[in-house]
Each structure stands twice: as C-alpha cells, then as structure tokens.
Amino acid sequence: MRSSGEQRDALNMIFTGKDGGFMAEIAKLIGNIHGVEYVPIKFEIADDLSYWSAEIPGKVKARAEALTGPMTPPGKRVQTTNPPGSEVGPGGVATWGKAVTDSVDAMGY
C-alpha cells in the first residue's frame, strides 16, 4: 500500500500528463490549473445499483439514480454490455442513470 504522499505524487504525475498515456493528451487541452487541494472524497454505490453518489464535503456533491422504465424488470437496471470506449475490456457493463443533484463550490466555480 502506498503512503498518502506517494499517492499524491502519483496522481499529480497522472493528471498533469507527466506520466504519459491518454492523460497526457487530455492535459494538453487544459489551459490553466487554478490550484490543487487534497481532500477526502466520499463515494457510494448502492448494492442494487439504484443510485451512486460522490461528495467532497463543502465543495462538490453529486448523485445519480439508475434509469428504469416500463419494460425494465423489477430490480433490474438499464444497462449496456461491452459499451464503446469501455476501459475495462470485454464484458464491461455500463449502468445508465441521470443526475438528480449536483452542487459545486470549489476554486471559484
């Protein structure tokens, strides 16, 4: 297990593009970095995939609920198997959802 300092250094290398890969291409598209903060992140996924949420206390709060419909069997979710662009390889499953709450109060945004 890595220490917090090692994890921070690794994340900095990845998100600034210094570690290469596709993140290096994305980093080229970012004009200015307004700052970096190290904060706790809370992430939750319901056991039945009915919702998922992420929160950085006092900064960002987001929650999504899985899509359902009249043809979706009870307890099942609207999902796509082997979605295009999947980073997990063959057999990946994407659960479709919609944002139901979001708020951002970070670095002037």
N, C-alpha and C. Protein backbone atom coordinates (compact mmCIF):
# COMPACT_ATOMS: atom_id res chain seq x y z
N MET A 1 0.84 -1.17 0.00
CA MET A 1 0.00 0.00 0.00
C MET A 1 0.90 1.24 0.00
N ARG A 2 0.52 2.21 -0.80
CA ARG A 2 1.30 3.45 -0.88
C ARG A 2 0.92 4.41 0.22
N SER A 3 1.88 5.24 0.60
CA SER A 3 1.58 6.29 1.58
C SER A 3 0.79 7.40 0.89
N SER A 4 0.19 8.26 1.69
CA SER A 4 -0.57 9.39 1.14
C SER A 4 0.30 10.25 0.24
N GLY A 5 1.55 10.49 0.67
CA GLY A 5 2.47 11.31 -0.13
C GLY A 5 2.78 10.66 -1.47
N GLU A 6 2.99 9.35 -1.48
CA GLU A 6 3.26 8.63 -2.74
C GLU A 6 2.04 8.68 -3.66
N GLN A 7 0.85 8.52 -3.07
CA GLN A 7 -0.38 8.58 -3.87
C GLN A 7 -0.56 9.97 -4.46
N ARG A 8 -0.30 10.99 -3.68
CA ARG A 8 -0.43 12.37 -4.17
C ARG A 8 0.55 12.62 -5.32
N ASP A 9 1.78 12.16 -5.16
CA ASP A 9 2.77 12.34 -6.22
C ASP A 9 2.35 11.61 -7.49
N ALA A 10 1.84 10.38 -7.33
CA ALA A 10 1.40 9.60 -8.49
C ALA A 10 0.23 10.27 -9.19
N LEU A 11 -0.75 10.75 -8.42
CA LEU A 11 -1.90 11.43 -9.02
C LEU A 11 -1.48 12.71 -9.73
N ASN A 12 -0.55 13.44 -9.14
CA ASN A 12 -0.05 14.65 -9.78
C ASN A 12 0.59 14.31 -11.13
N MET A 13 1.38 13.26 -11.17
CA MET A 13 2.03 12.84 -12.42
C MET A 13 0.98 12.46 -13.48
N ILE A 14 -0.06 11.74 -13.05
CA ILE A 14 -1.10 11.30 -13.99
C ILE A 14 -1.89 12.48 -14.52
N PHE A 15 -2.44 13.32 -13.61
CA PHE A 15 -3.36 14.37 -14.03
C PHE A 15 -2.69 15.57 -14.68
N THR A 16 -1.40 15.71 -14.53
CA THR A 16 -0.69 16.76 -15.26
C THR A 16 -0.16 16.25 -16.59
N GLY A 17 -0.34 14.95 -16.85
CA GLY A 17 0.11 14.36 -18.12
C GLY A 17 1.57 13.97 -18.12
N LYS A 18 2.28 14.18 -17.02
CA LYS A 18 3.71 13.86 -16.96
C LYS A 18 3.98 12.37 -16.98
N ASP A 19 2.97 11.56 -16.72
CA ASP A 19 3.13 10.11 -16.70
C ASP A 19 2.86 9.49 -18.07
N GLY A 20 2.47 10.32 -19.04
CA GLY A 20 2.20 9.83 -20.39
C GLY A 20 0.80 9.26 -20.55
N GLY A 21 0.62 8.46 -21.58
CA GLY A 21 -0.69 7.84 -21.84
C GLY A 21 -1.72 8.83 -22.30
N PHE A 22 -2.98 8.40 -22.28
CA PHE A 22 -4.05 9.27 -22.78
C PHE A 22 -4.24 10.51 -21.92
N MET A 23 -3.86 10.44 -20.65
CA MET A 23 -3.99 11.63 -19.79
C MET A 23 -3.04 12.74 -20.24
N ALA A 24 -1.92 12.38 -20.87
CA ALA A 24 -1.01 13.40 -21.40
C ALA A 24 -1.70 14.17 -22.51
N GLU A 25 -2.52 13.49 -23.31
CA GLU A 25 -3.26 14.15 -24.39
C GLU A 25 -4.34 15.06 -23.81
N ILE A 26 -5.01 14.61 -22.77
CA ILE A 26 -6.04 15.43 -22.13
C ILE A 26 -5.41 16.66 -21.48
N ALA A 27 -4.26 16.46 -20.84
CA ALA A 27 -3.58 17.57 -20.15
C ALA A 27 -3.24 18.70 -21.12
N LYS A 28 -2.99 18.36 -22.39
CA LYS A 28 -2.68 19.39 -23.39
C LYS A 28 -3.87 20.33 -23.64
N LEU A 29 -5.07 19.85 -23.35
CA LEU A 29 -6.28 20.63 -23.59
C LEU A 29 -6.60 21.59 -22.45
N ILE A 30 -5.90 21.44 -21.33
CA ILE A 30 -6.18 22.27 -20.15
C ILE A 30 -5.27 23.48 -20.19
N GLY A 31 -5.86 24.66 -20.19
CA GLY A 31 -5.08 25.89 -20.28
C GLY A 31 -4.41 26.28 -18.98
N ASN A 32 -5.19 26.37 -17.92
CA ASN A 32 -4.65 26.81 -16.63
C ASN A 32 -5.14 25.89 -15.53
N ILE A 33 -4.27 25.59 -14.60
CA ILE A 33 -4.66 24.86 -13.40
C ILE A 33 -4.79 25.90 -12.31
N HIS A 34 -5.97 26.00 -11.73
CA HIS A 34 -6.25 27.02 -10.72
C HIS A 34 -5.74 26.65 -9.34
N GLY A 35 -5.36 25.42 -9.16
CA GLY A 35 -4.84 25.00 -7.87
C GLY A 35 -5.10 23.53 -7.64
N VAL A 36 -4.49 23.01 -6.61
CA VAL A 36 -4.67 21.61 -6.24
C VAL A 36 -4.96 21.58 -4.75
N GLU A 37 -5.98 20.82 -4.38
CA GLU A 37 -6.29 20.63 -2.97
C GLU A 37 -6.38 19.13 -2.73
N TYR A 38 -5.90 18.69 -1.58
CA TYR A 38 -6.01 17.29 -1.19
C TYR A 38 -7.10 17.20 -0.13
N VAL A 39 -8.18 16.51 -0.47
CA VAL A 39 -9.35 16.46 0.40
C VAL A 39 -9.92 15.03 0.41
N PRO A 40 -10.67 14.71 1.45
CA PRO A 40 -11.33 13.40 1.48
C PRO A 40 -12.46 13.36 0.45
N ILE A 41 -12.66 12.22 -0.15
CA ILE A 41 -13.75 12.02 -1.11
C ILE A 41 -14.61 10.87 -0.61
N LYS A 42 -15.91 11.12 -0.54
CA LYS A 42 -16.86 10.07 -0.18
C LYS A 42 -17.52 9.58 -1.47
N PHE A 43 -17.53 8.28 -1.68
CA PHE A 43 -18.15 7.70 -2.88
C PHE A 43 -18.99 6.52 -2.44
N GLU A 44 -20.21 6.44 -2.95
CA GLU A 44 -21.12 5.38 -2.56
C GLU A 44 -21.86 4.84 -3.78
N ILE A 45 -21.98 3.53 -3.84
CA ILE A 45 -22.78 2.86 -4.87
C ILE A 45 -23.72 1.91 -4.14
N ALA A 46 -25.01 2.03 -4.42
CA ALA A 46 -26.00 1.14 -3.79
C ALA A 46 -25.73 -0.30 -4.23
N ASP A 47 -25.94 -1.23 -3.31
CA ASP A 47 -25.72 -2.64 -3.64
C ASP A 47 -26.53 -3.09 -4.84
N ASP A 48 -27.72 -2.51 -5.02
CA ASP A 48 -28.57 -2.89 -6.16
C ASP A 48 -28.40 -1.95 -7.36
N LEU A 49 -27.38 -1.09 -7.32
CA LEU A 49 -27.06 -0.13 -8.39
C LEU A 49 -28.18 0.88 -8.65
N SER A 50 -29.07 1.09 -7.68
CA SER A 50 -30.17 2.03 -7.89
C SER A 50 -29.70 3.49 -7.84
N TYR A 51 -28.56 3.75 -7.21
CA TYR A 51 -28.01 5.11 -7.19
C TYR A 51 -26.51 5.03 -6.94
N TRP A 52 -25.85 6.13 -7.20
CA TRP A 52 -24.45 6.30 -6.85
C TRP A 52 -24.23 7.77 -6.55
N SER A 53 -23.26 8.05 -5.68
CA SER A 53 -23.03 9.44 -5.29
C SER A 53 -21.56 9.67 -4.98
N ALA A 54 -21.17 10.91 -5.09
CA ALA A 54 -19.81 11.33 -4.74
C ALA A 54 -19.91 12.67 -4.03
N GLU A 55 -19.05 12.84 -3.03
CA GLU A 55 -19.05 14.11 -2.30
C GLU A 55 -17.65 14.44 -1.82
N ILE A 56 -17.30 15.69 -2.01
CA ILE A 56 -16.13 16.29 -1.37
C ILE A 56 -16.76 17.31 -0.42
N PRO A 57 -16.80 16.97 0.88
CA PRO A 57 -17.54 17.81 1.83
C PRO A 57 -17.21 19.30 1.71
N GLY A 58 -18.28 20.09 1.56
CA GLY A 58 -18.15 21.53 1.45
C GLY A 58 -17.74 22.03 0.07
N LYS A 59 -17.50 21.12 -0.88
CA LYS A 59 -17.02 21.52 -2.21
C LYS A 59 -17.94 21.02 -3.33
N VAL A 60 -18.12 19.72 -3.40
CA VAL A 60 -18.86 19.11 -4.51
C VAL A 60 -19.79 18.04 -3.96
N LYS A 61 -21.01 18.01 -4.48
CA LYS A 61 -21.95 16.95 -4.13
C LYS A 61 -22.68 16.54 -5.41
N ALA A 62 -22.66 15.26 -5.71
CA ALA A 62 -23.33 14.76 -6.91
C ALA A 62 -24.00 13.44 -6.60
N ARG A 63 -25.16 13.23 -7.19
CA ARG A 63 -25.88 11.97 -7.01
C ARG A 63 -26.62 11.65 -8.31
N ALA A 64 -26.62 10.39 -8.66
CA ALA A 64 -27.34 9.93 -9.85
C ALA A 64 -28.18 8.73 -9.47
N GLU A 65 -29.28 8.57 -10.18
CA GLU A 65 -30.15 7.41 -9.98
C GLU A 65 -30.22 6.63 -11.27
N ALA A 66 -30.24 5.32 -11.15
CA ALA A 66 -30.30 4.44 -12.32
C ALA A 66 -31.61 4.63 -13.06
N LEU A 67 -31.53 4.56 -14.38
CA LEU A 67 -32.74 4.66 -15.19
C LEU A 67 -33.55 3.37 -15.09
N THR A 68 -34.84 3.53 -15.11
CA THR A 68 -35.76 2.40 -15.18
C THR A 68 -36.81 2.77 -16.21
N GLY A 69 -37.68 1.87 -16.50
CA GLY A 69 -38.74 2.16 -17.45
C GLY A 69 -39.80 1.08 -17.39
N PRO A 70 -40.87 1.25 -18.16
CA PRO A 70 -41.97 0.30 -18.09
C PRO A 70 -41.57 -1.11 -18.55
N MET A 71 -40.52 -1.22 -19.32
CA MET A 71 -40.10 -2.54 -19.81
C MET A 71 -38.92 -3.11 -19.01
N THR A 72 -38.46 -2.36 -18.00
CA THR A 72 -37.36 -2.83 -17.17
C THR A 72 -37.92 -3.72 -16.07
N PRO A 73 -37.46 -4.97 -15.99
CA PRO A 73 -37.98 -5.86 -14.92
C PRO A 73 -37.69 -5.29 -13.54
N PRO A 74 -38.55 -5.56 -12.57
CA PRO A 74 -38.33 -5.08 -11.20
C PRO A 74 -36.94 -5.50 -10.69
N GLY A 75 -36.24 -4.56 -10.06
CA GLY A 75 -34.93 -4.85 -9.51
C GLY A 75 -33.80 -4.86 -10.53
N LYS A 76 -34.10 -4.66 -11.81
CA LYS A 76 -33.07 -4.63 -12.85
C LYS A 76 -32.80 -3.19 -13.25
N ARG A 77 -31.70 -2.98 -13.93
CA ARG A 77 -31.28 -1.65 -14.35
C ARG A 77 -31.13 -1.58 -15.86
N VAL A 78 -31.25 -0.37 -16.42
CA VAL A 78 -30.98 -0.16 -17.84
C VAL A 78 -29.46 -0.19 -17.99
N GLN A 79 -28.96 -1.19 -18.73
CA GLN A 79 -27.52 -1.37 -18.84
C GLN A 79 -27.12 -1.70 -20.28
N THR A 80 -25.85 -1.42 -20.58
CA THR A 80 -25.25 -1.77 -21.86
C THR A 80 -24.05 -2.67 -21.58
N THR A 81 -23.99 -3.80 -22.26
CA THR A 81 -22.85 -4.70 -22.12
C THR A 81 -21.84 -4.38 -23.21
N ASN A 82 -20.56 -4.40 -22.88
CA ASN A 82 -19.48 -4.07 -23.81
C ASN A 82 -19.67 -2.68 -24.43
N PRO A 83 -19.84 -1.64 -23.59
CA PRO A 83 -20.07 -0.30 -24.15
C PRO A 83 -18.83 0.20 -24.91
N PRO A 84 -19.05 0.98 -25.97
CA PRO A 84 -17.91 1.52 -26.72
C PRO A 84 -17.05 2.41 -25.84
N GLY A 85 -15.75 2.32 -26.02
CA GLY A 85 -14.83 3.14 -25.24
C GLY A 85 -14.63 2.64 -23.82
N SER A 86 -15.12 1.44 -23.52
CA SER A 86 -15.00 0.92 -22.17
C SER A 86 -13.54 0.67 -21.81
N GLU A 87 -13.14 1.17 -20.67
CA GLU A 87 -11.76 0.99 -20.21
C GLU A 87 -11.57 -0.33 -19.48
N VAL A 88 -12.62 -1.10 -19.29
CA VAL A 88 -12.49 -2.35 -18.54
C VAL A 88 -12.38 -3.57 -19.44
N GLY A 89 -12.47 -3.39 -20.74
CA GLY A 89 -12.31 -4.51 -21.66
C GLY A 89 -13.60 -5.27 -21.88
N PRO A 90 -13.51 -6.39 -22.59
CA PRO A 90 -14.70 -7.19 -22.92
C PRO A 90 -15.47 -7.60 -21.66
N GLY A 91 -16.78 -7.57 -21.77
CA GLY A 91 -17.62 -7.97 -20.66
C GLY A 91 -18.00 -6.83 -19.73
N GLY A 92 -17.50 -5.62 -20.01
CA GLY A 92 -17.84 -4.47 -19.18
C GLY A 92 -19.32 -4.16 -19.25
N VAL A 93 -19.87 -3.65 -18.18
CA VAL A 93 -21.29 -3.29 -18.12
C VAL A 93 -21.41 -1.85 -17.66
N ALA A 94 -22.17 -1.05 -18.40
CA ALA A 94 -22.45 0.34 -18.02
C ALA A 94 -23.91 0.43 -17.58
N THR A 95 -24.13 0.99 -16.41
CA THR A 95 -25.48 1.21 -15.91
C THR A 95 -25.85 2.65 -16.22
N TRP A 96 -26.97 2.84 -16.88
CA TRP A 96 -27.41 4.17 -17.29
C TRP A 96 -28.13 4.85 -16.14
N GLY A 97 -27.91 6.14 -16.00
CA GLY A 97 -28.55 6.88 -14.93
C GLY A 97 -28.72 8.33 -15.29
N LYS A 98 -29.32 9.07 -14.38
CA LYS A 98 -29.50 10.52 -14.58
C LYS A 98 -29.11 11.23 -13.29
N ALA A 99 -28.52 12.41 -13.46
CA ALA A 99 -28.15 13.22 -12.30
C ALA A 99 -29.41 13.73 -11.64
N VAL A 100 -29.46 13.63 -10.32
CA VAL A 100 -30.62 14.15 -9.59
C VAL A 100 -30.24 15.30 -8.66
N THR A 101 -28.98 15.38 -8.28
CA THR A 101 -28.49 16.53 -7.52
C THR A 101 -27.06 16.79 -7.90
N ASP A 102 -26.67 18.04 -7.85
CA ASP A 102 -25.28 18.39 -8.00
C ASP A 102 -25.08 19.80 -7.48
N SER A 103 -23.93 20.01 -6.90
CA SER A 103 -23.55 21.34 -6.46
C SER A 103 -22.04 21.41 -6.43
N VAL A 104 -21.52 22.57 -6.78
CA VAL A 104 -20.08 22.78 -6.79
C VAL A 104 -19.77 24.13 -6.17
N ASP A 105 -18.82 24.15 -5.25
CA ASP A 105 -18.33 25.39 -4.65
C ASP A 105 -16.84 25.19 -4.41
N ALA A 106 -16.08 25.23 -5.50
CA ALA A 106 -14.65 24.95 -5.40
C ALA A 106 -13.87 25.85 -6.33
N MET A 107 -12.83 26.49 -5.81
CA MET A 107 -11.90 27.30 -6.59
C MET A 107 -12.60 28.28 -7.54
N GLY A 108 -13.68 28.89 -7.09
CA GLY A 108 -14.36 29.90 -7.88
C GLY A 108 -15.40 29.38 -8.87
N TYR A 109 -15.67 28.09 -8.86
CA TYR A 109 -16.66 27.54 -9.80
C TYR A 109 -17.99 27.36 -9.11
